[in-house]
Amino acid sequence: MSFDTPSENRAFADKFHFNFPLLCDTEHNMGFAYGAAASGAPQHAQRIGVVIGPDGRIREWLPRVDAKTYPQDVLKRL
């Protein structure tokens, strides 16, 4: 999830050959709700980690994650 526009996220995904779309939060609503950004209009969200279970409940929330290692780290724990 990022605050970037759909076209910016599409270009980023194409550049790195992602086989999935990136989610956009251009209104910053989800960023505020999950604590990735404080009130106001920050340019970028903080890199947080959130694992949401099948029931829609938050199972894990980490205030800082390394975007390069977090996906593998969380998959190991699951």
PDB file of N, CA and C in Angstrom:
ATOM      1  N   MET A   1       0.852  -1.158   0.000  1.00  0.00           N
ATOM      2  CA  MET A   1       0.000   0.000   0.000  1.00  0.00           C
ATOM      3  C   MET A   1       0.902   1.225   0.000  1.00  0.00           C
ATOM      4  N   SER A   2       0.591   2.172  -0.826  1.00  0.00           N
ATOM      5  CA  SER A   2       1.377   3.405  -0.821  1.00  0.00           C
ATOM      6  C   SER A   2       0.472   4.597  -1.104  1.00  0.00           C
ATOM      7  N   PHE A   3       1.022   5.773  -0.854  1.00  0.00           N
ATOM      8  CA  PHE A   3       0.294   7.003  -1.123  1.00  0.00           C
ATOM      9  C   PHE A   3       0.450   7.440  -2.584  1.00  0.00           C
ATOM     10  N   ASP A   4       1.183   6.674  -3.363  1.00  0.00           N
ATOM     11  CA  ASP A   4       1.404   7.010  -4.767  1.00  0.00           C
ATOM     12  C   ASP A   4       0.138   6.801  -5.584  1.00  0.00           C
ATOM     13  N   THR A   5       0.119   7.420  -6.755  1.00  0.00           N
ATOM     14  CA  THR A   5      -1.032   7.298  -7.651  1.00  0.00           C
ATOM     15  C   THR A   5      -1.010   5.934  -8.346  1.00  0.00           C
ATOM     16  N   PRO A   6      -2.135   5.529  -8.911  1.00  0.00           N
ATOM     17  CA  PRO A   6      -2.152   4.262  -9.649  1.00  0.00           C
ATOM     18  C   PRO A   6      -1.093   4.202 -10.751  1.00  0.00           C
ATOM     19  N   SER A   7      -0.903   5.292 -11.484  1.00  0.00           N
ATOM     20  CA  SER A   7       0.096   5.263 -12.566  1.00  0.00           C
ATOM     21  C   SER A   7       1.518   5.153 -12.014  1.00  0.00           C
ATOM     22  N   GLU A   8       1.795   5.805 -10.888  1.00  0.00           N
ATOM     23  CA  GLU A   8       3.121   5.691 -10.265  1.00  0.00           C
ATOM     24  C   GLU A   8       3.359   4.265  -9.769  1.00  0.00           C
ATOM     25  N   ASN A   9       2.349   3.675  -9.137  1.00  0.00           N
ATOM     26  CA  ASN A   9       2.481   2.297  -8.649  1.00  0.00           C
ATOM     27  C   ASN A   9       2.624   1.307  -9.797  1.00  0.00           C
ATOM     28  N   ARG A  10       1.905   1.542 -10.893  1.00  0.00           N
ATOM     29  CA  ARG A  10       2.006   0.659 -12.054  1.00  0.00           C
ATOM     30  C   ARG A  10       3.422   0.705 -12.630  1.00  0.00           C
ATOM     31  N   ALA A  11       3.991   1.909 -12.743  1.00  0.00           N
ATOM     32  CA  ALA A  11       5.353   2.053 -13.262  1.00  0.00           C
ATOM     33  C   ALA A  11       6.354   1.356 -12.345  1.00  0.00           C
ATOM     34  N   PHE A  12       6.178   1.494 -11.035  1.00  0.00           N
ATOM     35  CA  PHE A  12       7.066   0.848 -10.060  1.00  0.00           C
ATOM     36  C   PHE A  12       6.968  -0.673 -10.188  1.00  0.00           C
ATOM     37  N   ALA A  13       5.745  -1.183 -10.271  1.00  0.00           N
ATOM     38  CA  ALA A  13       5.533  -2.631 -10.396  1.00  0.00           C
ATOM     39  C   ALA A  13       6.122  -3.150 -11.705  1.00  0.00           C
ATOM     40  N   ASP A  14       5.971  -2.402 -12.777  1.00  0.00           N
ATOM     41  CA  ASP A  14       6.549  -2.802 -14.068  1.00  0.00           C
ATOM     42  C   ASP A  14       8.069  -2.815 -14.000  1.00  0.00           C
ATOM     43  N   LYS A  15       8.641  -1.795 -13.378  1.00  0.00           N
ATOM     44  CA  LYS A  15      10.098  -1.693 -13.272  1.00  0.00           C
ATOM     45  C   LYS A  15      10.698  -2.900 -12.553  1.00  0.00           C
ATOM     46  N   PHE A  16      10.019  -3.366 -11.501  1.00  0.00           N
ATOM     47  CA  PHE A  16      10.543  -4.468 -10.698  1.00  0.00           C
ATOM     48  C   PHE A  16       9.876  -5.815 -11.034  1.00  0.00           C
ATOM     49  N   HIS A  17       9.096  -5.848 -12.114  1.00  0.00           N
ATOM     50  CA  HIS A  17       8.494  -7.072 -12.636  1.00  0.00           C
ATOM     51  C   HIS A  17       7.601  -7.783 -11.613  1.00  0.00           C
ATOM     52  N   PHE A  18       6.807  -7.003 -10.872  1.00  0.00           N
ATOM     53  CA  PHE A  18       5.866  -7.604  -9.936  1.00  0.00           C
ATOM     54  C   PHE A  18       4.753  -8.283 -10.739  1.00  0.00           C
ATOM     55  N   ASN A  19       4.280  -9.413 -10.265  1.00  0.00           N
ATOM     56  CA  ASN A  19       3.183 -10.101 -10.942  1.00  0.00           C
ATOM     57  C   ASN A  19       1.859  -9.877 -10.208  1.00  0.00           C
ATOM     58  N   PHE A  20       1.766  -8.751  -9.508  1.00  0.00           N
ATOM     59  CA  PHE A  20       0.558  -8.406  -8.774  1.00  0.00           C
ATOM     60  C   PHE A  20       0.443  -6.883  -8.744  1.00  0.00           C
ATOM     61  N   PRO A  21      -0.762  -6.362  -8.638  1.00  0.00           N
ATOM     62  CA  PRO A  21      -0.935  -4.910  -8.572  1.00  0.00           C
ATOM     63  C   PRO A  21      -0.596  -4.382  -7.178  1.00  0.00           C
ATOM     64  N   LEU A  22      -0.166  -3.151  -7.120  1.00  0.00           N
ATOM     65  CA  LEU A  22       0.082  -2.485  -5.836  1.00  0.00           C
ATOM     66  C   LEU A  22      -1.151  -1.661  -5.481  1.00  0.00           C
ATOM     67  N   LEU A  23      -1.472  -1.625  -4.211  1.00  0.00           N
ATOM     68  CA  LEU A  23      -2.641  -0.882  -3.747  1.00  0.00           C
ATOM     69  C   LEU A  23      -2.284   0.572  -3.500  1.00  0.00           C
ATOM     70  N   CYS A  24      -3.206   1.452  -3.839  1.00  0.00           N
ATOM     71  CA  CYS A  24      -3.001   2.887  -3.682  1.00  0.00           C
ATOM     72  C   CYS A  24      -3.904   3.437  -2.585  1.00  0.00           C
ATOM     73  N   ASP A  25      -3.342   4.335  -1.806  1.00  0.00           N
ATOM     74  CA  ASP A  25      -4.085   5.019  -0.739  1.00  0.00           C
ATOM     75  C   ASP A  25      -3.859   6.514  -0.916  1.00  0.00           C
ATOM     76  N   THR A  26      -4.311   7.047  -2.040  1.00  0.00           N
ATOM     77  CA  THR A  26      -4.042   8.448  -2.361  1.00  0.00           C
ATOM     78  C   THR A  26      -4.745   9.420  -1.418  1.00  0.00           C
ATOM     79  N   GLU A  27      -5.779   8.985  -0.752  1.00  0.00           N
ATOM     80  CA  GLU A  27      -6.478   9.833   0.217  1.00  0.00           C
ATOM     81  C   GLU A  27      -5.868   9.700   1.613  1.00  0.00           C
ATOM     82  N   HIS A  28      -4.953   8.758   1.791  1.00  0.00           N
ATOM     83  CA  HIS A  28      -4.233   8.493   3.048  1.00  0.00           C
ATOM     84  C   HIS A  28      -5.124   7.928   4.150  1.00  0.00           C
ATOM     85  N   ASN A  29      -6.328   7.519   3.823  1.00  0.00           N
ATOM     86  CA  ASN A  29      -7.256   7.010   4.835  1.00  0.00           C
ATOM     87  C   ASN A  29      -6.746   5.743   5.514  1.00  0.00           C
ATOM     88  N   MET A  30      -6.279   4.782   4.728  1.00  0.00           N
ATOM     89  CA  MET A  30      -5.796   3.539   5.310  1.00  0.00           C
ATOM     90  C   MET A  30      -4.489   3.780   6.062  1.00  0.00           C
ATOM     91  N   GLY A  31      -3.634   4.635   5.527  1.00  0.00           N
ATOM     92  CA  GLY A  31      -2.386   4.969   6.207  1.00  0.00           C
ATOM     93  C   GLY A  31      -2.636   5.546   7.589  1.00  0.00           C
ATOM     94  N   PHE A  32      -3.617   6.416   7.704  1.00  0.00           N
ATOM     95  CA  PHE A  32      -3.969   6.983   9.007  1.00  0.00           C
ATOM     96  C   PHE A  32      -4.567   5.912   9.913  1.00  0.00           C
ATOM     97  N   ALA A  33      -5.475   5.106   9.368  1.00  0.00           N
ATOM     98  CA  ALA A  33      -6.172   4.095  10.168  1.00  0.00           C
ATOM     99  C   ALA A  33      -5.222   3.044  10.735  1.00  0.00           C
ATOM    100  N   TYR A  34      -4.201   2.673   9.976  1.00  0.00           N
ATOM    101  CA  TYR A  34      -3.275   1.623  10.417  1.00  0.00           C
ATOM    102  C   TYR A  34      -2.015   2.169  11.080  1.00  0.00           C
ATOM    103  N   GLY A  35      -1.926   3.493  11.226  1.00  0.00           N
ATOM    104  CA  GLY A  35      -0.787   4.066  11.929  1.00  0.00           C
ATOM    105  C   GLY A  35       0.469   4.231  11.095  1.00  0.00           C
ATOM    106  N   ALA A  36       0.342   4.174   9.778  1.00  0.00           N
ATOM    107  CA  ALA A  36       1.502   4.371   8.909  1.00  0.00           C
ATOM    108  C   ALA A  36       1.782   5.846   8.693  1.00  0.00           C
ATOM    109  N   ALA A  37       0.852   6.683   9.082  1.00  0.00           N
ATOM    110  CA  ALA A  37       1.017   8.127   8.939  1.00  0.00           C
ATOM    111  C   ALA A  37       0.219   8.820  10.029  1.00  0.00           C
ATOM    112  N   ALA A  38       0.761   9.905  10.516  1.00  0.00           N
ATOM    113  CA  ALA A  38       0.048  10.725  11.496  1.00  0.00           C
ATOM    114  C   ALA A  38      -0.911  11.639  10.737  1.00  0.00           C
ATOM    115  N   SER A  39      -1.706  12.387  11.453  1.00  0.00           N
ATOM    116  CA  SER A  39      -2.616  13.301  10.784  1.00  0.00           C
ATOM    117  C   SER A  39      -1.808  14.318   9.984  1.00  0.00           C
ATOM    118  N   GLY A  40      -2.464  14.941   9.038  1.00  0.00           N
ATOM    119  CA  GLY A  40      -1.773  15.837   8.121  1.00  0.00           C
ATOM    120  C   GLY A  40      -1.672  15.165   6.771  1.00  0.00           C
ATOM    121  N   ALA A  41      -0.784  15.635   5.956  1.00  0.00           N
ATOM    122  CA  ALA A  41      -0.651  15.080   4.611  1.00  0.00           C
ATOM    123  C   ALA A  41       0.807  14.739   4.318  1.00  0.00           C
ATOM    124  N   PRO A  42       1.343  13.692   4.955  1.00  0.00           N
ATOM    125  CA  PRO A  42       2.730  13.327   4.675  1.00  0.00           C
ATOM    126  C   PRO A  42       2.878  12.847   3.235  1.00  0.00           C
ATOM    127  N   GLN A  43       4.048  13.043   2.683  1.00  0.00           N
ATOM    128  CA  GLN A  43       4.285  12.605   1.311  1.00  0.00           C
ATOM    129  C   GLN A  43       4.384  11.083   1.229  1.00  0.00           C
ATOM    130  N   HIS A  44       4.994  10.467   2.234  1.00  0.00           N
ATOM    131  CA  HIS A  44       5.192   9.017   2.225  1.00  0.00           C
ATOM    132  C   HIS A  44       4.744   8.428   3.554  1.00  0.00           C
ATOM    133  N   ALA A  45       4.217   7.229   3.489  1.00  0.00           N
ATOM    134  CA  ALA A  45       3.849   6.504   4.702  1.00  0.00           C
ATOM    135  C   ALA A  45       5.090   5.840   5.278  1.00  0.00           C
ATOM    136  N   GLN A  46       5.069   5.589   6.573  1.00  0.00           N
ATOM    137  CA  GLN A  46       6.140   4.813   7.196  1.00  0.00           C
ATOM    138  C   GLN A  46       5.977   3.363   6.769  1.00  0.00           C
ATOM    139  N   ARG A  47       7.057   2.628   6.763  1.00  0.00           N
ATOM    140  CA  ARG A  47       7.003   1.205   6.414  1.00  0.00           C
ATOM    141  C   ARG A  47       6.641   0.408   7.667  1.00  0.00           C
ATOM    142  N   ILE A  48       5.363   0.072   7.768  1.00  0.00           N
ATOM    143  CA  ILE A  48       4.889  -0.733   8.883  1.00  0.00           C
ATOM    144  C   ILE A  48       4.500  -2.104   8.343  1.00  0.00           C
ATOM    145  N   GLY A  49       4.331  -3.064   9.239  1.00  0.00           N
ATOM    146  CA  GLY A  49       3.892  -4.395   8.832  1.00  0.00           C
ATOM    147  C   GLY A  49       2.578  -4.728   9.501  1.00  0.00           C
ATOM    148  N   VAL A  50       1.607  -5.153   8.720  1.00  0.00           N
ATOM    149  CA  VAL A  50       0.303  -5.532   9.249  1.00  0.00           C
ATOM    150  C   VAL A  50      -0.091  -6.876   8.637  1.00  0.00           C
ATOM    151  N   VAL A  51      -0.414  -7.824   9.494  1.00  0.00           N
ATOM    152  CA  VAL A  51      -0.930  -9.116   9.034  1.00  0.00           C
ATOM    153  C   VAL A  51      -2.391  -9.171   9.448  1.00  0.00           C
ATOM    154  N   ILE A  52      -3.255  -9.379   8.461  1.00  0.00           N
ATOM    155  CA  ILE A  52      -4.694  -9.437   8.704  1.00  0.00           C
ATOM    156  C   ILE A  52      -5.156 -10.872   8.457  1.00  0.00           C
ATOM    157  N   GLY A  53      -5.833 -11.443   9.442  1.00  0.00           N
ATOM    158  CA  GLY A  53      -6.307 -12.824   9.338  1.00  0.00           C
ATOM    159  C   GLY A  53      -7.513 -12.950   8.442  1.00  0.00           C
ATOM    160  N   PRO A  54      -7.897 -14.184   8.121  1.00  0.00           N
ATOM    161  CA  PRO A  54      -9.061 -14.430   7.266  1.00  0.00           C
ATOM    162  C   PRO A  54     -10.354 -13.846   7.833  1.00  0.00           C
ATOM    163  N   ASP A  55     -10.387 -13.660   9.152  1.00  0.00           N
ATOM    164  CA  ASP A  55     -11.576 -13.097   9.786  1.00  0.00           C
ATOM    165  C   ASP A  55     -11.582 -11.573   9.770  1.00  0.00           C
ATOM    166  N   GLY A  56     -10.551 -10.971   9.166  1.00  0.00           N
ATOM    167  CA  GLY A  56     -10.474  -9.517   9.069  1.00  0.00           C
ATOM    168  C   GLY A  56      -9.833  -8.844  10.263  1.00  0.00           C
ATOM    169  N   ARG A  57      -9.405  -9.614  11.249  1.00  0.00           N
ATOM    170  CA  ARG A  57      -8.783  -9.044  12.445  1.00  0.00           C
ATOM    171  C   ARG A  57      -7.278  -8.936  12.261  1.00  0.00           C
ATOM    172  N   ILE A  58      -6.714  -7.895  12.859  1.00  0.00           N
ATOM    173  CA  ILE A  58      -5.268  -7.704  12.799  1.00  0.00           C
ATOM    174  C   ILE A  58      -4.602  -8.748  13.682  1.00  0.00           C
ATOM    175  N   ARG A  59      -3.700  -9.515  13.104  1.00  0.00           N
ATOM    176  CA  ARG A  59      -2.969 -10.563  13.825  1.00  0.00           C
ATOM    177  C   ARG A  59      -1.602 -10.077  14.279  1.00  0.00           C
ATOM    178  N   GLU A  60      -1.041  -9.135  13.528  1.00  0.00           N
ATOM    179  CA  GLU A  60       0.281  -8.598  13.864  1.00  0.00           C
ATOM    180  C   GLU A  60       0.371  -7.186  13.333  1.00  0.00           C
ATOM    181  N   TRP A  61       0.969  -6.313  14.134  1.00  0.00           N
ATOM    182  CA  TRP A  61       1.217  -4.937  13.716  1.00  0.00           C
ATOM    183  C   TRP A  61       2.610  -4.574  14.201  1.00  0.00           C
ATOM    184  N   LEU A  62       3.480  -4.239  13.270  1.00  0.00           N
ATOM    185  CA  LEU A  62       4.853  -3.858  13.610  1.00  0.00           C
ATOM    186  C   LEU A  62       5.086  -2.419  13.170  1.00  0.00           C
ATOM    187  N   PRO A  63       5.629  -1.585  14.057  1.00  0.00           N
ATOM    188  CA  PRO A  63       5.780  -0.156  13.757  1.00  0.00           C
ATOM    189  C   PRO A  63       6.840   0.163  12.713  1.00  0.00           C
ATOM    190  N   ARG A  64       7.785  -0.734  12.495  1.00  0.00           N
ATOM    191  CA  ARG A  64       8.819  -0.523  11.476  1.00  0.00           C
ATOM    192  C   ARG A  64       9.221  -1.873  10.905  1.00  0.00           C
ATOM    193  N   VAL A  65       9.298  -1.936   9.586  1.00  0.00           N
ATOM    194  CA  VAL A  65       9.765  -3.167   8.938  1.00  0.00           C
ATOM    195  C   VAL A  65      10.720  -2.793   7.815  1.00  0.00           C
ATOM    196  N   ASP A  66      11.555  -3.751   7.451  1.00  0.00           N
ATOM    197  CA  ASP A  66      12.451  -3.610   6.315  1.00  0.00           C
ATOM    198  C   ASP A  66      11.715  -4.182   5.109  1.00  0.00           C
ATOM    199  N   ALA A  67      11.412  -3.344   4.147  1.00  0.00           N
ATOM    200  CA  ALA A  67      10.619  -3.779   2.996  1.00  0.00           C
ATOM    201  C   ALA A  67      11.290  -4.900   2.214  1.00  0.00           C
ATOM    202  N   LYS A  68      12.594  -5.001   2.298  1.00  0.00           N
ATOM    203  CA  LYS A  68      13.307  -6.047   1.562  1.00  0.00           C
ATOM    204  C   LYS A  68      13.166  -7.412   2.229  1.00  0.00           C
ATOM    205  N   THR A  69      13.057  -7.446   3.555  1.00  0.00           N
ATOM    206  CA  THR A  69      13.039  -8.733   4.256  1.00  0.00           C
ATOM    207  C   THR A  69      11.692  -9.084   4.875  1.00  0.00           C
ATOM    208  N   TYR A  70      10.830  -8.119   5.079  1.00  0.00           N
ATOM    209  CA  TYR A  70       9.575  -8.371   5.784  1.00  0.00           C
ATOM    210  C   TYR A  70       8.706  -9.453   5.131  1.00  0.00           C
ATOM    211  N   PRO A  71       8.519  -9.433   3.809  1.00  0.00           N
ATOM    212  CA  PRO A  71       7.652 -10.482   3.237  1.00  0.00           C
ATOM    213  C   PRO A  71       8.132 -11.901   3.582  1.00  0.00           C
ATOM    214  N   GLN A  72       9.410 -12.157   3.463  1.00  0.00           N
ATOM    215  CA  GLN A  72       9.932 -13.494   3.797  1.00  0.00           C
ATOM    216  C   GLN A  72       9.855 -13.764   5.293  1.00  0.00           C
ATOM    217  N   ASP A  73      10.145 -12.746   6.104  1.00  0.00           N
ATOM    218  CA  ASP A  73      10.068 -12.899   7.560  1.00  0.00           C
ATOM    219  C   ASP A  73       8.668 -13.298   8.000  1.00  0.00           C
ATOM    220  N   VAL A  74       7.669 -12.614   7.486  1.00  0.00           N
ATOM    221  CA  VAL A  74       6.294 -12.892   7.911  1.00  0.00           C
ATOM    222  C   VAL A  74       5.828 -14.250   7.382  1.00  0.00           C
ATOM    223  N   LEU A  75       6.254 -14.625   6.179  1.00  0.00           N
ATOM    224  CA  LEU A  75       5.881 -15.939   5.658  1.00  0.00           C
ATOM    225  C   LEU A  75       6.460 -17.063   6.509  1.00  0.00           C
ATOM    226  N   LYS A  76       7.662 -16.885   7.031  1.00  0.00           N
ATOM    227  CA  LYS A  76       8.255 -17.893   7.906  1.00  0.00           C
ATOM    228  C   LYS A  76       7.431 -18.065   9.173  1.00  0.00           C
ATOM    229  N   ARG A  77       6.907 -16.956   9.713  1.00  0.00           N
ATOM    230  CA  ARG A  77       6.115 -17.027  10.944  1.00  0.00           C
ATOM    231  C   ARG A  77       4.731 -17.623  10.709  1.00  0.00           C
ATOM    232  N   LEU A  78       4.214 -17.443   9.523  1.00  0.00           N
ATOM    233  CA  LEU A  78       2.879 -17.992   9.224  1.00  0.00           C
ATOM    234  C   LEU A  78       2.981 -19.484   9.047  1.00  0.00           C
TER     235      LEU A  78
END
